[in-house]
N, C-alpha and C. Protein backbone atom coordinates (compact mmCIF):
# COMPACT_ATOMS: atom_id res chain seq x y z
N UNK A 1 -22.60 -16.45 38.05
CA UNK A 1 -22.75 -15.08 38.49
C UNK A 1 -23.72 -14.40 37.53
N UNK A 2 -24.64 -13.65 38.08
CA UNK A 2 -25.55 -12.86 37.27
C UNK A 2 -25.35 -11.39 37.58
N UNK A 3 -25.63 -10.55 36.62
CA UNK A 3 -25.45 -9.12 36.82
C UNK A 3 -26.54 -8.32 36.14
N UNK A 4 -26.82 -7.17 36.71
CA UNK A 4 -27.85 -6.29 36.17
C UNK A 4 -27.43 -4.84 36.36
N UNK A 5 -27.77 -4.01 35.38
CA UNK A 5 -27.64 -2.57 35.56
C UNK A 5 -28.89 -2.13 36.28
N UNK A 6 -28.73 -1.59 37.47
CA UNK A 6 -29.86 -1.20 38.30
C UNK A 6 -30.42 0.15 37.86
N UNK A 7 -29.54 1.03 37.44
CA UNK A 7 -29.98 2.36 37.00
C UNK A 7 -28.83 3.34 37.01
N UNK A 8 -29.18 4.58 36.81
CA UNK A 8 -28.19 5.67 36.82
C UNK A 8 -28.31 6.41 38.15
N UNK A 9 -27.17 6.83 38.67
CA UNK A 9 -27.18 7.64 39.89
C UNK A 9 -25.90 8.45 39.99
N UNK A 10 -25.95 9.48 40.79
CA UNK A 10 -24.76 10.29 41.08
C UNK A 10 -24.04 9.62 42.24
N UNK A 11 -22.72 9.55 42.12
CA UNK A 11 -21.92 8.96 43.19
C UNK A 11 -20.75 9.89 43.49
N UNK A 12 -20.50 10.12 44.78
CA UNK A 12 -19.39 10.96 45.21
C UNK A 12 -18.29 10.09 45.79
N UNK A 13 -17.08 10.28 45.30
CA UNK A 13 -15.88 9.58 45.76
C UNK A 13 -14.79 10.63 45.93
N UNK A 14 -13.66 10.31 46.53
CA UNK A 14 -12.60 11.31 46.69
C UNK A 14 -12.16 11.98 45.38
N UNK A 15 -12.29 11.28 44.24
CA UNK A 15 -11.88 11.86 42.95
C UNK A 15 -12.92 12.83 42.38
N UNK A 16 -14.12 12.91 42.99
CA UNK A 16 -15.15 13.84 42.52
C UNK A 16 -16.53 13.23 42.53
N UNK A 17 -17.45 13.95 41.90
CA UNK A 17 -18.84 13.49 41.80
C UNK A 17 -19.10 13.11 40.34
N UNK A 18 -19.68 11.92 40.14
CA UNK A 18 -19.84 11.39 38.79
C UNK A 18 -21.26 10.89 38.55
N UNK A 19 -21.71 11.03 37.32
CA UNK A 19 -22.91 10.34 36.85
C UNK A 19 -22.46 8.93 36.53
N UNK A 20 -23.12 7.94 37.12
CA UNK A 20 -22.64 6.56 36.99
C UNK A 20 -23.80 5.59 36.76
N UNK A 21 -23.45 4.44 36.20
CA UNK A 21 -24.37 3.31 36.11
C UNK A 21 -24.09 2.42 37.31
N UNK A 22 -25.15 2.06 38.03
CA UNK A 22 -25.00 1.15 39.17
C UNK A 22 -25.22 -0.28 38.67
N UNK A 23 -24.22 -1.12 38.87
CA UNK A 23 -24.25 -2.50 38.40
C UNK A 23 -24.18 -3.42 39.61
N UNK A 24 -25.10 -4.38 39.70
CA UNK A 24 -25.09 -5.34 40.80
C UNK A 24 -24.85 -6.75 40.25
N UNK A 25 -23.91 -7.44 40.87
CA UNK A 25 -23.56 -8.82 40.51
C UNK A 25 -23.84 -9.71 41.71
N UNK A 26 -24.34 -10.92 41.44
CA UNK A 26 -24.66 -11.85 42.53
C UNK A 26 -24.25 -13.26 42.11
N UNK A 27 -23.65 -13.99 43.05
CA UNK A 27 -23.26 -15.37 42.80
C UNK A 27 -23.56 -16.20 44.04
N UNK A 28 -23.92 -17.43 43.83
CA UNK A 28 -24.12 -18.39 44.91
C UNK A 28 -23.10 -19.50 44.73
N UNK A 29 -22.58 -20.01 45.83
CA UNK A 29 -21.61 -21.08 45.74
C UNK A 29 -21.89 -22.14 46.80
N UNK A 30 -21.37 -23.32 46.55
CA UNK A 30 -21.55 -24.44 47.47
C UNK A 30 -20.25 -25.22 47.51
N UNK A 31 -19.90 -25.72 48.68
CA UNK A 31 -18.66 -26.46 48.77
C UNK A 31 -18.46 -27.12 50.12
N UNK A 32 -17.33 -27.79 50.23
CA UNK A 32 -16.96 -28.47 51.46
C UNK A 32 -15.56 -28.00 51.85
N UNK A 33 -15.37 -27.71 53.11
CA UNK A 33 -14.07 -27.25 53.58
C UNK A 33 -13.80 -27.74 54.98
N UNK A 34 -12.81 -27.16 55.64
CA UNK A 34 -12.42 -27.55 56.99
C UNK A 34 -13.53 -27.32 58.01
N UNK A 35 -14.42 -26.38 57.71
CA UNK A 35 -15.45 -26.02 58.69
C UNK A 35 -16.81 -26.63 58.36
N UNK A 36 -16.86 -27.53 57.39
CA UNK A 36 -18.12 -28.20 57.06
C UNK A 36 -18.55 -27.95 55.63
N UNK A 37 -19.76 -28.36 55.36
CA UNK A 37 -20.34 -28.22 54.02
C UNK A 37 -21.43 -27.17 54.07
N UNK A 38 -21.53 -26.39 53.02
CA UNK A 38 -22.58 -25.39 53.00
C UNK A 38 -22.52 -24.56 51.74
N UNK A 39 -23.26 -23.48 51.78
CA UNK A 39 -23.32 -22.60 50.62
C UNK A 39 -23.17 -21.16 51.07
N UNK A 40 -22.92 -20.30 50.12
CA UNK A 40 -22.75 -18.89 50.43
C UNK A 40 -23.23 -18.03 49.29
N UNK A 41 -23.17 -16.75 49.52
CA UNK A 41 -23.64 -15.76 48.54
C UNK A 41 -22.62 -14.64 48.46
N UNK A 42 -22.32 -14.25 47.26
CA UNK A 42 -21.39 -13.14 47.00
C UNK A 42 -22.16 -12.06 46.25
N UNK A 43 -22.05 -10.82 46.71
CA UNK A 43 -22.72 -9.69 46.07
C UNK A 43 -21.71 -8.58 45.86
N UNK A 44 -21.66 -8.07 44.63
CA UNK A 44 -20.79 -6.94 44.30
C UNK A 44 -21.64 -5.84 43.70
N UNK A 45 -21.39 -4.61 44.13
CA UNK A 45 -22.03 -3.44 43.54
C UNK A 45 -20.93 -2.55 43.01
N UNK A 46 -21.05 -2.18 41.73
CA UNK A 46 -20.05 -1.35 41.07
C UNK A 46 -20.73 -0.13 40.48
N UNK A 47 -20.02 0.99 40.48
CA UNK A 47 -20.51 2.21 39.86
C UNK A 47 -19.56 2.56 38.71
N UNK A 48 -20.09 2.49 37.48
CA UNK A 48 -19.30 2.77 36.28
C UNK A 48 -19.60 4.18 35.81
N UNK A 49 -18.55 5.00 35.68
CA UNK A 49 -18.69 6.39 35.25
C UNK A 49 -18.13 6.54 33.84
N UNK A 50 -18.98 6.80 32.84
CA UNK A 50 -18.49 6.99 31.47
C UNK A 50 -17.44 8.10 31.34
N UNK A 51 -17.51 9.13 32.17
CA UNK A 51 -16.53 10.22 32.09
C UNK A 51 -15.11 9.73 32.38
N UNK A 52 -14.99 8.68 33.17
CA UNK A 52 -13.69 8.12 33.53
C UNK A 52 -13.41 6.86 32.69
N UNK A 53 -14.46 6.32 32.08
CA UNK A 53 -14.37 5.08 31.31
C UNK A 53 -13.91 3.93 32.20
N UNK A 54 -14.41 3.93 33.45
CA UNK A 54 -14.02 2.89 34.40
C UNK A 54 -14.96 2.94 35.60
N UNK A 55 -14.78 1.97 36.48
CA UNK A 55 -15.52 1.97 37.73
C UNK A 55 -14.90 2.97 38.70
N UNK A 56 -15.75 3.70 39.45
CA UNK A 56 -15.25 4.68 40.40
C UNK A 56 -15.50 4.24 41.85
N UNK A 57 -16.33 3.20 42.02
CA UNK A 57 -16.63 2.71 43.36
C UNK A 57 -16.99 1.24 43.27
N UNK A 58 -16.63 0.48 44.32
CA UNK A 58 -16.88 -0.96 44.35
C UNK A 58 -17.17 -1.40 45.77
N UNK A 59 -18.26 -2.12 45.99
CA UNK A 59 -18.59 -2.72 47.28
C UNK A 59 -18.70 -4.23 47.09
N UNK A 60 -18.18 -4.99 48.04
CA UNK A 60 -18.15 -6.45 47.96
C UNK A 60 -18.60 -7.05 49.29
N UNK A 61 -19.48 -8.07 49.22
CA UNK A 61 -19.90 -8.80 50.42
C UNK A 61 -19.90 -10.29 50.11
N UNK A 62 -19.48 -11.08 51.07
CA UNK A 62 -19.43 -12.52 50.91
C UNK A 62 -19.88 -13.17 52.21
N UNK A 63 -20.73 -14.17 52.11
CA UNK A 63 -21.16 -14.89 53.31
C UNK A 63 -20.35 -16.16 53.48
N UNK A 64 -20.27 -16.65 54.70
CA UNK A 64 -19.59 -17.92 54.93
C UNK A 64 -20.58 -19.06 54.75
N UNK A 65 -20.14 -20.27 55.11
CA UNK A 65 -20.98 -21.46 54.92
C UNK A 65 -22.31 -21.38 55.66
N UNK A 66 -22.34 -20.67 56.77
CA UNK A 66 -23.56 -20.61 57.57
C UNK A 66 -24.40 -19.37 57.29
N UNK A 67 -24.01 -18.58 56.32
CA UNK A 67 -24.79 -17.39 55.99
C UNK A 67 -24.34 -16.15 56.75
N UNK A 68 -23.31 -16.27 57.58
CA UNK A 68 -22.78 -15.12 58.30
C UNK A 68 -21.84 -14.33 57.40
N UNK A 69 -21.71 -13.04 57.65
CA UNK A 69 -20.81 -12.21 56.87
C UNK A 69 -19.38 -12.74 57.01
N UNK A 70 -18.78 -13.12 55.90
CA UNK A 70 -17.44 -13.67 55.88
C UNK A 70 -16.42 -12.60 55.50
N UNK A 71 -16.77 -11.81 54.49
CA UNK A 71 -15.84 -10.80 53.99
C UNK A 71 -16.64 -9.62 53.46
N UNK A 72 -16.13 -8.45 53.70
CA UNK A 72 -16.75 -7.23 53.17
C UNK A 72 -15.63 -6.24 52.89
N UNK A 73 -15.65 -5.67 51.69
CA UNK A 73 -14.64 -4.68 51.35
C UNK A 73 -15.23 -3.67 50.37
N UNK A 74 -14.55 -2.56 50.25
CA UNK A 74 -14.97 -1.55 49.28
C UNK A 74 -13.78 -0.69 48.92
N UNK A 75 -13.87 -0.04 47.76
CA UNK A 75 -12.85 0.92 47.36
C UNK A 75 -13.52 2.03 46.57
N UNK A 76 -12.88 3.18 46.56
CA UNK A 76 -13.36 4.35 45.82
C UNK A 76 -12.19 4.97 45.08
N UNK A 77 -12.46 5.51 43.91
CA UNK A 77 -11.45 6.17 43.11
C UNK A 77 -10.98 7.44 43.82
N UNK A 78 -9.69 7.59 44.00
CA UNK A 78 -9.14 8.76 44.67
C UNK A 78 -8.71 9.84 43.69
N UNK A 79 -8.25 9.46 42.49
CA UNK A 79 -7.80 10.43 41.49
C UNK A 79 -7.76 9.74 40.13
N UNK A 80 -7.82 10.52 39.07
CA UNK A 80 -7.69 9.97 37.74
C UNK A 80 -7.18 11.06 36.81
N UNK A 81 -6.66 10.63 35.67
CA UNK A 81 -6.15 11.55 34.67
C UNK A 81 -6.61 11.04 33.31
N UNK A 82 -7.23 11.90 32.53
CA UNK A 82 -7.66 11.54 31.19
C UNK A 82 -6.52 11.82 30.22
N UNK A 83 -6.09 10.78 29.51
CA UNK A 83 -5.01 10.95 28.54
C UNK A 83 -5.55 11.60 27.28
N UNK A 84 -4.84 12.60 26.79
CA UNK A 84 -5.20 13.23 25.54
C UNK A 84 -4.66 12.38 24.39
N UNK A 85 -5.47 12.19 23.33
CA UNK A 85 -4.97 11.38 22.20
C UNK A 85 -3.83 12.10 21.47
N UNK A 86 -2.93 11.31 20.92
CA UNK A 86 -1.84 11.89 20.14
C UNK A 86 -2.39 12.36 18.80
N UNK A 87 -1.63 13.16 18.09
CA UNK A 87 -2.04 13.64 16.78
C UNK A 87 -2.33 12.47 15.83
N UNK A 88 -1.48 11.44 15.87
CA UNK A 88 -1.68 10.26 15.03
C UNK A 88 -2.98 9.54 15.34
N UNK A 89 -3.36 9.47 16.63
CA UNK A 89 -4.60 8.83 17.00
C UNK A 89 -5.79 9.64 16.51
N UNK A 90 -5.69 10.96 16.55
CA UNK A 90 -6.80 11.80 16.10
C UNK A 90 -6.99 11.69 14.58
N UNK A 91 -5.89 11.47 13.82
CA UNK A 91 -5.98 11.32 12.37
C UNK A 91 -6.36 9.90 11.96
N UNK A 92 -6.25 8.96 12.90
CA UNK A 92 -6.54 7.57 12.59
C UNK A 92 -5.35 6.80 12.07
N UNK A 93 -4.13 7.32 12.28
CA UNK A 93 -2.91 6.63 11.84
C UNK A 93 -2.67 5.37 12.63
C-alpha cells in the first residue's frame, strides 16, 4: 500500500467544517478464489483534521477480480468532544 498527502482542503461533515489534510492510499492485490484468478485495486481517501486530532471523513473503493466495483463505503464524523487536560497533565505530573 502506498500513501500520499494530496494537500490541504476544507471538508464539511455533520460534526462541522474543518481544515484537513487529504490523504490518499492505494493498494493492488492479486489472488485466486472461487470466481477465478485476477487482480484488484483498493483506494482509500481520508481527511485528517488537526483540530480533532483524527480523521473526520473516509471514502473506500475496492475492485473485484475483473476490475468491476466490488465494494464502496464511506463515513463522516457526526460529533466529537475535546477532552480538557487534568491539572496533573498540565503540570507534567
